Amino acid sequence: MAVDDQAMTFEQAVQAAIELDASLNERLAVIAAAVRRLNADFADAVDRLVGRLEQQGAGAMAPAPGDVMPGFLLPDDEGRLVGLAEILLQGPAVVTFQRGHWCPYCRLNAIGIVEAQQEIAALGGQVVAIMPERRRFAKAMKAAVGATFPFLTDMDNGYALSLNLAIWIGAEMERLMGVAYDLPNYQGNASWFLPIPATFIVGTDGIITDRFVDPDYRRRMDIDDLIAALKRAR
């Protein structure tokens, strides 16, 4: 099902994507098309960033299926420390990295997971979202998407860096994004580093069974694939 977004504002296009009865990546494509229509220069800069990251093999060295998922202990949106070990005591985990509350692709990604929360819970799955933002912004993101799963703060992208997932967005994107987004305030530092929005499915034994790692933040693990991966991880 296509969305005719020619007369839409960006927020209207995002809302249309949220309401669209389609796969997550089809819905994300609606946002990408709106960005290109409304700000072609920005879309071209994103293409250049993605091209540079792909050329450098960004994310390729992240943990892969068959590897042990490195542990973490990170504060949630209420300030409580959450560890991977305690999550895996409850069931297989979906560990998903998001860029920030300001990112419409991340918002839609999180909404897609929220929409499948009951199905995930029926499989014993535990979801945790990790983002490099201060607690109040993580809390705002959780509330905005209606999530019951925790949003953890990875200050200075420390955990993402340890997984080879953190990237510098580059001077061009820093300049363009800085017009609308105050990342230094959101993150509490001026590094302009972001995680590749990866998703890992981790069995209760701590072994990664599936992963989605793509340096193009406009693409994410589809929810059907996430559910299928959770079934394999049980």
Protein backbone atom coordinates (compact mmCIF):
# COMPACT_ATOMS: atom_id res chain seq x y z
CA MET A 1 0.00 0.00 0.00
CA ALA A 2 1.52 3.31 -1.08
CA VAL A 3 1.26 6.67 0.62
CA ASP A 4 0.72 9.76 -1.56
CA ASP A 5 2.86 12.17 0.41
CA GLN A 6 3.24 14.95 -2.15
CA ALA A 7 1.32 17.52 -0.11
CA MET A 8 2.30 16.26 3.36
CA THR A 9 4.49 17.97 5.89
CA PHE A 10 7.27 15.83 7.33
CA GLU A 11 5.37 15.12 10.56
CA GLN A 12 2.29 14.18 8.54
CA ALA A 13 4.40 11.76 6.51
CA VAL A 14 5.80 10.22 9.72
CA GLN A 15 2.26 9.83 11.07
CA ALA A 16 1.14 8.26 7.79
CA ALA A 17 4.04 5.81 8.05
CA ILE A 18 3.06 4.94 11.63
CA GLU A 19 -0.53 4.24 10.54
CA LEU A 20 0.39 2.31 7.39
CA ASP A 21 -0.53 -1.38 7.38
CA ALA A 22 2.73 -2.64 5.91
CA SER A 23 6.11 -4.07 6.90
CA LEU A 24 8.42 -1.94 9.02
CA ASN A 25 10.82 -1.30 6.14
CA GLU A 26 7.97 -0.27 3.83
CA ARG A 27 6.85 2.18 6.49
CA LEU A 28 10.42 3.47 6.96
CA ALA A 29 10.62 4.02 3.19
CA VAL A 30 7.71 6.47 3.48
CA ILE A 31 9.80 8.59 5.85
CA ALA A 32 12.87 8.37 3.60
CA ALA A 33 10.78 9.45 0.58
CA ALA A 34 9.41 12.43 2.53
CA VAL A 35 12.94 13.49 3.53
CA ARG A 36 14.05 13.34 -0.11
CA ARG A 37 11.00 15.31 -1.30
CA LEU A 38 11.30 18.01 1.37
CA ASN A 39 15.09 18.30 1.62
CA ALA A 40 16.96 16.68 -1.27
CA ASP A 41 20.29 18.13 -0.11
CA PHE A 42 19.94 16.40 3.25
CA ALA A 43 18.92 13.12 1.59
CA ASP A 44 21.97 13.33 -0.69
CA ALA A 45 24.21 13.93 2.33
CA VAL A 46 22.75 10.84 4.02
CA ASP A 47 23.51 8.84 0.87
CA ARG A 48 27.12 10.07 1.03
CA LEU A 49 27.39 9.16 4.72
CA VAL A 50 25.96 5.68 4.11
CA GLY A 51 28.28 5.20 1.13
CA ARG A 52 31.30 6.14 3.27
CA LEU A 53 30.23 3.79 6.07
CA GLU A 54 29.59 0.91 3.68
CA GLN A 55 32.97 1.45 2.03
CA GLN A 56 34.63 1.32 5.46
CA GLY A 57 32.72 -1.84 6.40
CA ALA A 58 31.04 -0.12 9.35
CA GLY A 59 29.32 -2.63 11.60
CA ALA A 60 30.89 -5.64 9.89
CA MET A 61 33.03 -6.40 12.95
CA ALA A 62 30.08 -6.33 15.37
CA PRO A 63 29.28 -9.57 17.23
CA ALA A 64 27.78 -12.18 14.88
CA PRO A 65 25.52 -15.22 15.23
CA GLY A 66 27.39 -17.89 17.18
CA ASP A 67 29.28 -15.30 19.24
CA VAL A 68 28.64 -14.63 22.91
CA MET A 69 26.84 -11.31 23.31
CA PRO A 70 29.10 -9.12 25.47
CA GLY A 71 27.46 -8.23 28.75
CA PHE A 72 26.30 -4.77 29.77
CA LEU A 73 25.11 -2.99 32.90
CA LEU A 74 23.33 0.22 31.90
CA PRO A 75 20.84 2.56 33.61
CA ASP A 76 17.22 2.37 32.46
CA ASP A 77 14.79 5.27 32.08
CA GLU A 78 14.15 5.18 35.85
CA GLY A 79 17.86 5.14 36.73
CA ARG A 80 17.92 1.44 37.68
CA LEU A 81 20.91 -0.57 36.43
CA VAL A 82 19.88 -3.34 34.02
CA GLY A 83 22.24 -6.13 33.03
CA LEU A 84 22.10 -8.55 30.13
CA ALA A 85 22.54 -11.51 32.51
CA GLU A 86 19.38 -10.66 34.46
CA ILE A 87 17.40 -10.17 31.25
CA LEU A 88 18.44 -13.60 29.93
CA LEU A 89 17.20 -15.25 33.14
CA GLN A 90 13.70 -14.31 31.97
CA GLY A 91 14.00 -15.43 28.33
CA PRO A 92 15.72 -14.78 25.01
CA ALA A 93 16.53 -11.13 24.43
CA VAL A 94 15.97 -8.62 21.66
CA VAL A 95 18.75 -6.04 22.09
CA THR A 96 18.10 -3.12 19.77
CA PHE A 97 20.23 0.01 19.36
CA GLN A 98 18.46 3.29 18.55
CA ARG A 99 20.02 6.62 17.62
CA GLY A 100 17.80 8.85 19.76
CA HIS A 101 14.34 10.16 20.60
CA TRP A 102 14.70 12.76 17.83
CA CYS A 103 15.13 10.15 15.07
CA PRO A 104 11.82 9.42 13.26
CA TYR A 105 13.16 6.11 11.92
CA CYS A 106 14.00 5.01 15.49
CA ARG A 107 10.58 6.12 16.71
CA LEU A 108 8.89 4.03 14.02
CA ASN A 109 11.25 1.09 14.70
CA ALA A 110 10.33 1.20 18.39
CA ILE A 111 6.62 1.50 17.56
CA GLY A 112 6.90 -1.58 15.34
CA ILE A 113 8.36 -3.53 18.26
CA VAL A 114 5.69 -2.17 20.62
CA GLU A 115 2.98 -3.35 18.22
CA ALA A 116 4.44 -6.87 18.48
CA GLN A 117 4.96 -6.76 22.28
CA GLN A 118 2.27 -9.36 23.01
CA GLU A 119 3.62 -11.76 20.40
CA ILE A 120 7.16 -11.25 21.71
CA ALA A 121 6.00 -11.84 25.30
CA ALA A 122 4.20 -15.03 24.26
CA LEU A 123 7.58 -16.34 23.06
CA GLY A 124 9.19 -15.40 26.37
CA GLY A 125 11.12 -12.65 24.63
CA GLN A 126 12.62 -9.74 26.53
CA VAL A 127 13.17 -6.46 24.68
CA VAL A 128 15.71 -3.82 25.63
CA ALA A 129 16.41 -0.64 23.65
CA ILE A 130 19.82 1.01 24.01
CA MET A 131 20.43 4.64 23.07
CA PRO A 132 23.23 7.15 23.72
CA GLU A 133 20.93 9.73 25.33
CA ARG A 134 20.55 11.13 28.81
CA ARG A 135 17.86 9.55 30.92
CA ARG A 136 15.15 12.16 30.42
CA PHE A 137 15.33 11.78 26.65
CA ALA A 138 15.29 7.97 26.89
CA LYS A 139 12.26 8.28 29.16
CA ALA A 140 10.54 10.61 26.68
CA MET A 141 11.17 8.15 23.84
CA LYS A 142 9.74 5.26 25.86
CA ALA A 143 6.61 7.27 26.68
CA ALA A 144 6.19 8.54 23.10
CA VAL A 145 6.08 5.03 21.64
CA GLY A 146 4.09 3.47 24.48
CA ALA A 147 6.75 0.89 25.33
CA THR A 148 6.76 -1.27 28.46
CA PHE A 149 10.30 -2.55 27.82
CA PRO A 150 13.29 -0.57 29.18
CA PHE A 151 15.22 2.11 27.31
CA LEU A 152 18.81 2.05 28.52
CA THR A 153 21.29 4.92 28.39
CA ASP A 154 24.66 4.09 26.81
CA MET A 155 26.57 7.22 27.84
CA ASP A 156 29.22 8.30 25.34
CA ASN A 157 28.30 5.22 23.25
CA GLY A 158 30.60 3.15 25.46
CA TYR A 159 28.80 -0.17 24.93
CA ALA A 160 28.20 0.52 21.23
CA LEU A 161 31.90 1.32 20.79
CA SER A 162 32.84 -2.00 22.43
CA LEU A 163 30.67 -3.78 19.83
CA ASN A 164 32.17 -1.84 16.88
CA LEU A 165 28.79 -0.18 16.30
CA ALA A 166 29.51 3.50 17.06
CA ILE A 167 30.21 5.82 14.13
CA TRP A 168 31.09 9.49 13.74
CA ILE A 169 28.48 11.06 11.47
CA GLY A 170 31.04 13.33 9.80
CA ALA A 171 31.40 17.10 9.48
CA GLU A 172 28.77 17.48 6.74
CA MET A 173 26.03 15.63 8.67
CA GLU A 174 27.06 17.36 11.90
CA ARG A 175 26.45 20.73 10.23
CA LEU A 176 23.15 19.70 8.61
CA MET A 177 21.72 17.88 11.64
CA GLY A 178 22.85 20.61 14.02
CA VAL A 179 20.26 22.94 12.50
CA ALA A 180 17.39 20.88 13.92
CA TYR A 181 18.87 18.59 16.57
CA ASP A 182 20.92 19.43 19.67
CA LEU A 183 22.81 16.14 19.97
CA PRO A 184 25.39 17.54 22.45
CA ASN A 185 22.50 18.34 24.81
CA TYR A 186 20.71 15.03 24.22
CA GLN A 187 23.87 12.97 24.74
CA GLY A 188 25.77 15.10 27.24
CA ASN A 189 28.82 15.29 24.97
CA ALA A 190 29.84 16.98 21.73
CA SER A 191 31.29 13.96 19.93
CA TRP A 192 28.50 13.56 17.34
CA PHE A 193 28.86 9.79 17.55
CA LEU A 194 25.82 7.58 16.98
CA PRO A 195 25.29 3.83 17.08
CA ILE A 196 24.47 1.89 13.94
CA PRO A 197 20.86 0.93 14.73
CA ALA A 198 21.53 -2.79 15.04
CA THR A 199 19.33 -5.52 16.52
CA PHE A 200 20.63 -8.70 18.14
CA ILE A 201 18.60 -11.76 19.14
CA VAL A 202 20.30 -13.48 22.07
CA GLY A 203 19.43 -16.93 23.44
CA THR A 204 19.22 -17.57 27.18
CA ASP A 205 22.70 -19.11 26.95
CA GLY A 206 24.03 -15.69 25.91
CA ILE A 207 24.78 -16.78 22.34
CA ILE A 208 23.65 -14.52 19.48
CA THR A 209 21.30 -16.43 17.17
CA ASP A 210 20.48 -13.63 14.70
CA ARG A 211 21.52 -10.06 14.08
CA PHE A 212 20.64 -7.14 11.82
CA VAL A 213 23.44 -4.64 11.29
CA ASP A 214 23.11 -2.08 8.48
CA PRO A 215 25.02 1.24 8.37
CA ASP A 216 22.01 2.71 6.51
CA TYR A 217 19.85 3.83 9.45
CA ARG A 218 16.85 4.02 7.11
CA ARG A 219 16.63 0.21 7.18
CA ARG A 220 15.90 -1.98 10.22
CA MET A 221 15.19 -5.60 11.12
CA ASP A 222 11.63 -6.28 9.97
CA ILE A 223 9.29 -7.32 12.77
CA ASP A 224 8.39 -10.64 11.06
CA ASP A 225 12.12 -11.45 10.94
CA LEU A 226 12.48 -10.47 14.60
CA ILE A 227 9.64 -12.81 15.61
CA ALA A 228 11.05 -15.65 13.50
CA ALA A 229 14.49 -15.11 15.07
CA LEU A 230 12.99 -15.20 18.59
CA LYS A 231 11.33 -18.54 17.79
CA ARG A 232 14.74 -19.90 16.77
CA ALA A 233 16.34 -18.56 19.96
CA ARG A 234 13.95 -20.29 22.35
